[in-house]
Protein backbone atom coordinates (compact mmCIF):
# COMPACT_ATOMS: atom_id res chain seq x y z
CA MET A 1 -29.32 -1.29 -16.80
CA THR A 2 -31.76 1.54 -17.22
CA GLU A 3 -32.42 4.07 -14.48
CA SER A 4 -35.93 2.72 -13.96
CA THR A 5 -34.57 -0.78 -13.17
CA PHE A 6 -31.87 0.50 -10.82
CA PRO A 7 -31.95 -0.53 -7.15
CA GLN A 8 -33.37 2.16 -4.89
CA TYR A 9 -30.42 3.08 -2.72
CA PRO A 10 -30.69 5.01 0.55
CA ARG A 11 -29.92 8.70 0.00
CA LEU A 12 -27.28 10.73 1.80
CA VAL A 13 -28.41 14.35 1.70
CA LEU A 14 -25.72 17.02 1.97
CA SER A 15 -26.10 20.35 3.70
CA LYS A 16 -26.52 23.41 1.51
CA GLY A 17 -23.29 24.41 -0.23
CA ARG A 18 -21.41 21.24 0.77
CA GLU A 19 -21.55 19.63 -2.67
CA LYS A 20 -18.68 21.67 -4.12
CA SER A 21 -15.95 19.11 -3.44
CA LEU A 22 -17.98 16.36 -5.11
CA LEU A 23 -18.54 18.57 -8.15
CA ARG A 24 -14.74 18.76 -8.36
CA ARG A 25 -14.66 14.95 -8.19
CA HIS A 26 -13.25 14.66 -4.67
CA PRO A 27 -14.20 11.11 -3.60
CA TRP A 28 -14.87 11.72 0.12
CA VAL A 29 -17.83 13.12 2.04
CA PHE A 30 -16.92 14.23 5.56
CA SER A 31 -19.31 14.11 8.49
CA GLY A 32 -19.65 17.90 8.62
CA ALA A 33 -21.11 17.97 5.11
CA VAL A 34 -23.98 15.60 5.93
CA SER A 35 -27.51 16.82 6.58
CA ARG A 36 -29.26 13.45 6.93
CA LEU A 37 -29.56 9.90 5.66
CA GLU A 38 -32.89 9.03 4.05
CA GLY A 39 -33.61 5.35 4.45
CA LYS A 40 -31.58 2.70 6.27
CA ALA A 41 -28.06 1.69 5.30
CA ASN A 42 -25.79 -0.89 6.88
CA LEU A 43 -22.08 -0.32 7.40
CA GLY A 44 -20.44 -0.16 3.96
CA GLU A 45 -23.69 -0.38 2.01
CA THR A 46 -24.11 1.49 -1.27
CA ILE A 47 -25.89 4.85 -1.07
CA ASP A 48 -26.73 7.68 -3.45
CA ILE A 49 -25.35 11.09 -2.52
CA VAL A 50 -27.52 14.12 -3.33
CA ASP A 51 -27.37 17.85 -2.68
CA HIS A 52 -29.79 19.70 -0.39
CA GLN A 53 -32.29 19.96 -3.26
CA GLY A 54 -32.15 16.25 -4.04
CA ARG A 55 -29.97 16.49 -7.17
CA TRP A 56 -27.90 13.36 -7.71
CA LEU A 57 -24.13 13.79 -7.25
CA ALA A 58 -22.49 10.42 -6.80
CA ARG A 59 -22.85 6.83 -5.62
CA GLY A 60 -20.73 5.64 -2.73
CA ALA A 61 -20.37 3.58 0.44
CA TRP A 62 -21.84 4.52 3.83
CA SER A 63 -19.55 4.57 6.87
CA PRO A 64 -21.31 5.95 9.96
CA ALA A 65 -18.40 5.18 12.32
CA SER A 66 -15.86 7.24 10.36
CA GLN A 67 -15.30 10.97 9.97
CA ILE A 68 -15.39 10.13 6.26
CA ARG A 69 -19.10 9.34 6.11
CA ALA A 70 -19.08 8.23 2.48
CA ARG A 71 -16.49 7.25 -0.12
CA VAL A 72 -17.47 7.59 -3.76
CA TRP A 73 -17.51 4.56 -6.03
CA THR A 74 -18.73 6.39 -9.12
CA PHE A 75 -19.86 9.77 -10.45
CA ASP A 76 -21.81 8.02 -13.22
CA LYS A 77 -25.48 7.60 -12.31
CA ALA A 78 -25.85 4.77 -14.82
CA GLU A 79 -23.14 2.67 -13.14
CA SER A 80 -24.20 -0.03 -10.70
CA ILE A 81 -21.84 -1.26 -7.97
CA ASP A 82 -21.55 -4.96 -8.70
CA ILE A 83 -19.08 -7.60 -9.91
CA ALA A 84 -19.05 -6.08 -13.40
CA PHE A 85 -18.14 -2.69 -11.90
CA PHE A 86 -15.11 -4.11 -10.08
CA THR A 87 -14.08 -6.12 -13.13
CA ARG A 88 -14.04 -2.93 -15.22
CA ARG A 89 -11.97 -1.07 -12.64
CA LEU A 90 -9.45 -3.92 -12.40
CA ARG A 91 -9.04 -4.15 -16.16
CA GLN A 92 -8.60 -0.39 -16.49
CA ALA A 93 -5.87 -0.46 -13.85
CA GLN A 94 -4.16 -3.47 -15.43
CA GLN A 95 -3.84 -1.71 -18.79
CA TRP A 96 -1.50 0.85 -17.22
CA ARG A 97 0.37 -1.73 -15.16
CA ASP A 98 1.00 -3.95 -18.19
CA TRP A 99 2.80 -1.07 -19.89
CA LEU A 100 4.78 -0.22 -16.77
CA ALA A 101 5.75 -3.81 -15.98
CA LYS A 102 7.00 -4.39 -19.51
CA LYS A 103 8.87 -1.08 -19.63
CA ASP A 104 10.65 -1.56 -16.29
CA GLY A 105 10.96 -5.34 -16.22
CA LEU A 106 8.78 -5.83 -13.14
CA ASP A 107 6.97 -8.89 -11.85
CA SER A 108 5.63 -7.05 -8.80
CA TYR A 109 3.74 -3.77 -8.56
CA ARG A 110 0.76 -2.03 -6.99
CA LEU A 111 -2.25 -3.13 -9.02
CA ILE A 112 -4.86 -1.03 -7.21
CA ALA A 113 -4.03 2.16 -5.31
CA GLY A 114 -7.34 3.05 -3.70
CA GLU A 115 -8.96 6.27 -4.85
CA SER A 116 -6.35 6.72 -7.59
CA ASP A 117 -7.85 3.71 -9.37
CA GLY A 118 -11.47 4.50 -8.53
CA LEU A 119 -11.67 1.94 -5.72
CA PRO A 120 -11.53 3.82 -2.40
CA GLY A 121 -10.18 1.82 0.50
CA VAL A 122 -8.86 -0.96 -1.75
CA THR A 123 -5.16 -1.77 -2.03
CA ILE A 124 -3.99 -4.71 -4.13
CA ASP A 125 -0.33 -5.51 -4.64
CA ARG A 126 0.83 -8.10 -7.11
CA PHE A 127 3.88 -10.23 -6.30
CA GLY A 128 4.36 -12.63 -9.20
CA HIS A 129 1.29 -14.85 -9.17
CA PHE A 130 0.20 -13.72 -5.70
CA LEU A 131 -2.33 -10.92 -5.21
CA VAL A 132 -2.21 -9.34 -1.75
CA LEU A 133 -5.45 -7.64 -0.76
CA GLN A 134 -6.01 -4.89 1.80
CA LEU A 135 -9.53 -3.60 2.42
CA LEU A 136 -9.28 -0.42 4.48
CA SER A 137 -12.79 1.05 4.31
CA ALA A 138 -16.28 -0.11 5.23
CA GLY A 139 -17.39 0.03 1.61
CA ALA A 140 -14.47 -2.09 0.45
CA GLU A 141 -15.22 -4.69 3.13
CA TYR A 142 -18.93 -4.72 2.27
CA GLN A 143 -18.03 -5.45 -1.36
CA ARG A 144 -15.41 -8.08 -0.48
CA ALA A 145 -17.21 -10.97 -2.22
CA ALA A 146 -17.82 -8.98 -5.42
CA LEU A 147 -14.23 -7.76 -5.49
CA ILE A 148 -12.78 -11.24 -4.99
CA SER A 149 -15.06 -12.61 -7.70
CA ALA A 150 -13.80 -9.90 -10.07
CA LEU A 151 -10.18 -10.71 -9.17
CA GLN A 152 -10.76 -14.38 -9.93
CA THR A 153 -12.25 -13.44 -13.29
CA CYS A 154 -9.35 -11.18 -14.23
CA TYR A 155 -6.55 -13.29 -12.68
CA PRO A 156 -7.66 -16.94 -12.70
CA ASP A 157 -4.08 -18.20 -12.23
CA CYS A 158 -3.27 -16.00 -9.22
CA ALA A 159 -3.59 -16.87 -5.54
CA ILE A 160 -5.18 -14.21 -3.31
CA TYR A 161 -3.93 -13.46 0.20
CA ASP A 162 -5.67 -11.07 2.61
CA ARG A 163 -3.59 -8.56 4.62
CA SER A 164 -6.47 -6.49 5.98
CA ASP A 165 -4.75 -6.48 9.37
CA VAL A 166 -4.28 -2.71 9.50
CA ALA A 167 -5.34 -0.72 12.57
CA VAL A 168 -7.11 1.93 10.47
CA ARG A 169 -9.95 -0.58 9.94
CA LYS A 170 -10.96 -0.08 13.58
CA LYS A 171 -11.81 3.56 12.81
CA GLU A 172 -14.53 2.28 10.49
CA GLY A 173 -15.84 -0.28 12.96
CA MET A 174 -14.20 -3.32 11.37
CA ALA A 175 -12.13 -6.17 12.78
CA LEU A 176 -8.67 -6.99 11.43
CA THR A 177 -8.39 -9.98 9.08
CA GLN A 178 -5.52 -11.90 7.54
CA GLY A 179 -5.08 -15.18 5.72
CA PRO A 180 -5.37 -17.02 2.40
CA VAL A 181 -8.46 -16.29 0.31
CA THR A 182 -7.93 -18.47 -2.75
CA GLY A 183 -5.12 -20.65 -4.00
CA GLU A 184 -1.88 -21.64 -2.35
CA LEU A 185 -0.30 -20.08 0.72
CA PRO A 186 2.61 -17.71 -0.05
CA PRO A 187 6.04 -19.05 0.92
CA ALA A 188 7.75 -17.59 3.98
CA LEU A 189 9.97 -15.54 1.65
CA LEU A 190 8.90 -14.96 -1.95
CA PRO A 191 11.58 -13.82 -4.45
CA ILE A 192 10.59 -10.93 -6.73
CA GLU A 193 12.45 -8.88 -9.35
CA GLU A 194 12.75 -5.09 -9.46
CA HIS A 195 15.02 -3.09 -11.78
CA GLY A 196 17.55 -5.90 -11.98
CA MET A 197 17.43 -6.71 -8.25
CA LYS A 198 16.22 -9.96 -6.73
CA LEU A 199 14.48 -9.36 -3.41
CA LEU A 200 12.82 -11.59 -0.83
CA VAL A 201 9.35 -10.55 0.34
CA ASP A 202 7.50 -11.69 3.45
CA ILE A 203 3.86 -11.49 2.35
CA GLN A 204 2.43 -13.13 5.46
CA GLY A 205 4.29 -11.24 8.18
CA GLY A 206 6.02 -8.27 6.58
CA HIS A 207 5.16 -4.58 6.74
CA LYS A 208 2.12 -3.41 4.80
CA THR A 209 1.51 -6.07 2.12
CA GLY A 210 5.02 -7.45 2.56
CA TYR A 211 7.14 -4.82 0.83
CA TYR A 212 7.25 -1.08 0.09
CA LEU A 213 6.41 -1.23 -3.60
CA ASP A 214 5.69 2.52 -3.61
CA GLN A 215 9.42 3.22 -3.10
CA ARG A 216 10.47 1.36 -6.26
CA ASP A 217 11.50 4.43 -8.27
CA SER A 218 13.30 5.96 -5.28
CA ARG A 219 15.35 2.79 -4.87
CA LEU A 220 16.36 2.97 -8.52
CA ALA A 221 17.22 6.68 -8.28
CA THR A 222 19.57 5.95 -5.37
CA ARG A 223 22.05 4.34 -7.74
CA ARG A 224 22.74 7.66 -9.48
CA TYR A 225 24.14 9.29 -6.34
CA VAL A 226 26.06 6.68 -4.37
CA GLU A 227 29.09 5.70 -6.44
CA ASN A 228 32.14 5.65 -4.14
CA GLN A 229 30.02 7.01 -1.27
CA ARG A 230 29.23 5.73 2.22
CA VAL A 231 25.50 5.23 2.67
CA LEU A 232 23.46 5.25 5.89
CA ASN A 233 20.21 3.39 5.25
CA CYS A 234 17.85 4.33 8.11
CA PHE A 235 14.58 2.47 8.68
CA SER A 236 16.07 -0.04 6.27
CA TYR A 237 13.52 -2.83 6.66
CA THR A 238 14.64 -5.70 4.37
CA GLY A 239 17.35 -3.75 2.58
CA GLY A 240 15.92 -2.77 -0.80
CA PHE A 241 17.77 0.55 -0.71
CA ALA A 242 20.94 -1.17 0.53
CA VAL A 243 20.95 -3.59 -2.40
CA SER A 244 20.31 -0.75 -4.84
CA ALA A 245 23.13 1.31 -3.30
CA LEU A 246 25.54 -1.59 -3.65
CA MET A 247 24.49 -2.04 -7.27
CA GLY A 248 25.19 1.67 -7.71
CA GLY A 249 28.80 1.20 -6.60
CA CYS A 250 28.79 2.54 -3.05
CA ARG A 251 31.86 1.98 -0.83
CA GLN A 252 29.82 0.91 2.16
CA VAL A 253 26.19 0.76 3.26
CA VAL A 254 25.01 0.52 6.86
CA SER A 255 21.39 -0.54 7.34
CA VAL A 256 19.69 0.48 10.59
CA ASP A 257 16.42 -1.02 11.78
CA THR A 258 14.94 -2.11 15.10
CA SER A 259 14.00 -5.51 13.64
CA GLN A 260 16.80 -8.05 13.55
CA ASP A 261 14.56 -10.32 11.47
CA ALA A 262 14.29 -7.60 8.80
CA LEU A 263 18.07 -7.09 8.87
CA ASP A 264 18.60 -10.84 8.44
CA ILE A 265 16.45 -10.75 5.30
CA ALA A 266 18.41 -7.71 4.11
CA ARG A 267 21.60 -9.76 4.39
CA GLN A 268 19.98 -12.56 2.40
CA ASN A 269 19.01 -10.03 -0.26
CA VAL A 270 22.63 -8.90 -0.59
CA GLU A 271 23.72 -12.53 -0.97
CA LEU A 272 20.91 -13.27 -3.42
CA ASN A 273 22.24 -10.56 -5.74
CA GLN A 274 25.84 -11.82 -5.40
CA LEU A 275 27.04 -8.48 -4.00
CA ASP A 276 30.00 -7.88 -1.70
CA LEU A 277 28.86 -8.65 1.84
CA SER A 278 31.92 -6.93 3.30
CA LYS A 279 30.45 -3.61 2.13
CA ALA A 280 27.09 -4.25 3.80
CA ASN A 281 26.77 -3.80 7.57
CA SER A 282 23.76 -3.52 9.83
CA CYS A 283 22.76 -2.24 13.26
CA ALA A 284 19.68 -3.41 15.16
CA MET A 285 18.73 -0.21 16.98
CA THR A 286 16.47 2.79 16.65
CA CYS A 287 17.53 5.20 13.94
CA LEU A 288 17.45 8.14 16.36
CA SER A 289 19.86 6.33 18.66
CA CYS A 290 22.11 5.54 15.72
CA CYS A 291 22.15 9.16 14.57
CA ALA A 292 22.85 10.40 18.11
CA LEU A 293 25.80 8.03 18.47
CA THR A 294 27.12 9.03 15.05
CA VAL A 295 27.03 12.73 16.00
CA ASN A 296 28.79 12.08 19.31
CA THR A 297 31.43 10.00 17.57
CA ALA A 298 32.04 12.77 15.03
CA LYS A 299 32.40 15.40 17.78
CA ASN A 300 35.12 13.37 19.48
CA SER A 301 37.00 12.55 16.30
CA THR A 302 39.52 14.51 14.25
CA SER A 303 38.40 12.68 11.13
CA SER A 304 35.36 13.64 9.08
CA SER A 305 34.85 10.10 7.80
CA TRP A 306 31.81 8.25 9.06
CA THR A 307 32.29 4.95 10.85
CA ARG A 308 29.81 2.30 11.75
CA PRO A 309 28.39 2.88 15.26
CA ASN A 310 28.93 0.23 17.91
CA SER A 311 25.41 -0.94 18.68
CA SER A 312 26.55 -2.56 21.92
CA LYS A 313 26.94 0.94 23.40
CA ILE A 314 23.27 1.72 22.86
CA LYS A 315 20.58 0.46 25.18
CA ALA A 316 17.56 -1.01 23.44
CA SER A 317 14.66 1.43 23.28
């Protein structure tokens, strides 16, 4: 597409001297940098961003309800924001993930990490043949149809599930959404593989997109330090660190979380990996309460060894 055939986007004009961050390729424009909007733009609509003299800087998405008034899609003036744009971004991201998945033996990973992959406000996690989508910005929501079309082009055999049920959407004037987009509904617990572990993931009701994929390398690193050690796994969720600690040869691991449902899944994860259940304990309480009880127990004991706290002595909080 030549510049002469480009759509005429509304223009966001910056105040004098406020273009410096964009020149350094920072993808956000804050409200304090804005002089005016020329033309009309709906929530999330594509706009051109220019300096106070009208020089083109970037193309992004308009978000009048947020302190981040615009998020940049591209710094290339010749690039239109359409299905082809999202298809290119997805394929660029997948090139890196293919290498990583093969190297580490993964079937689940973060496919799109927002601004890091040139798609601000877009998070996409892949769990086997399920793609879990989170749209966290007005621009991402405005481009929902184009993004889903691009996903279907790049991953025709994958089902797409929406987990845009995050409170941060309200800051950009958007309602929370959740549910199947295309394909089959994810099972209540989906088994995935990570560094030799089998783990059950709750896509529909779990934290974030169902699992903390961003902690993958930290879970693996745990194994280097826990041999013959006792491990306290605070904020344990579904026990990924507990399973990794047991695989690393720990003597005992105690998982602490306020959610009994999460702790039940953690127990299933230990069983799924055929690890010694007698070494895996859990406490359904707040981590601060657990730590306080542990300190009090240590003060009243002549032994320096750590013992599992009795959760019945702690009131729910």
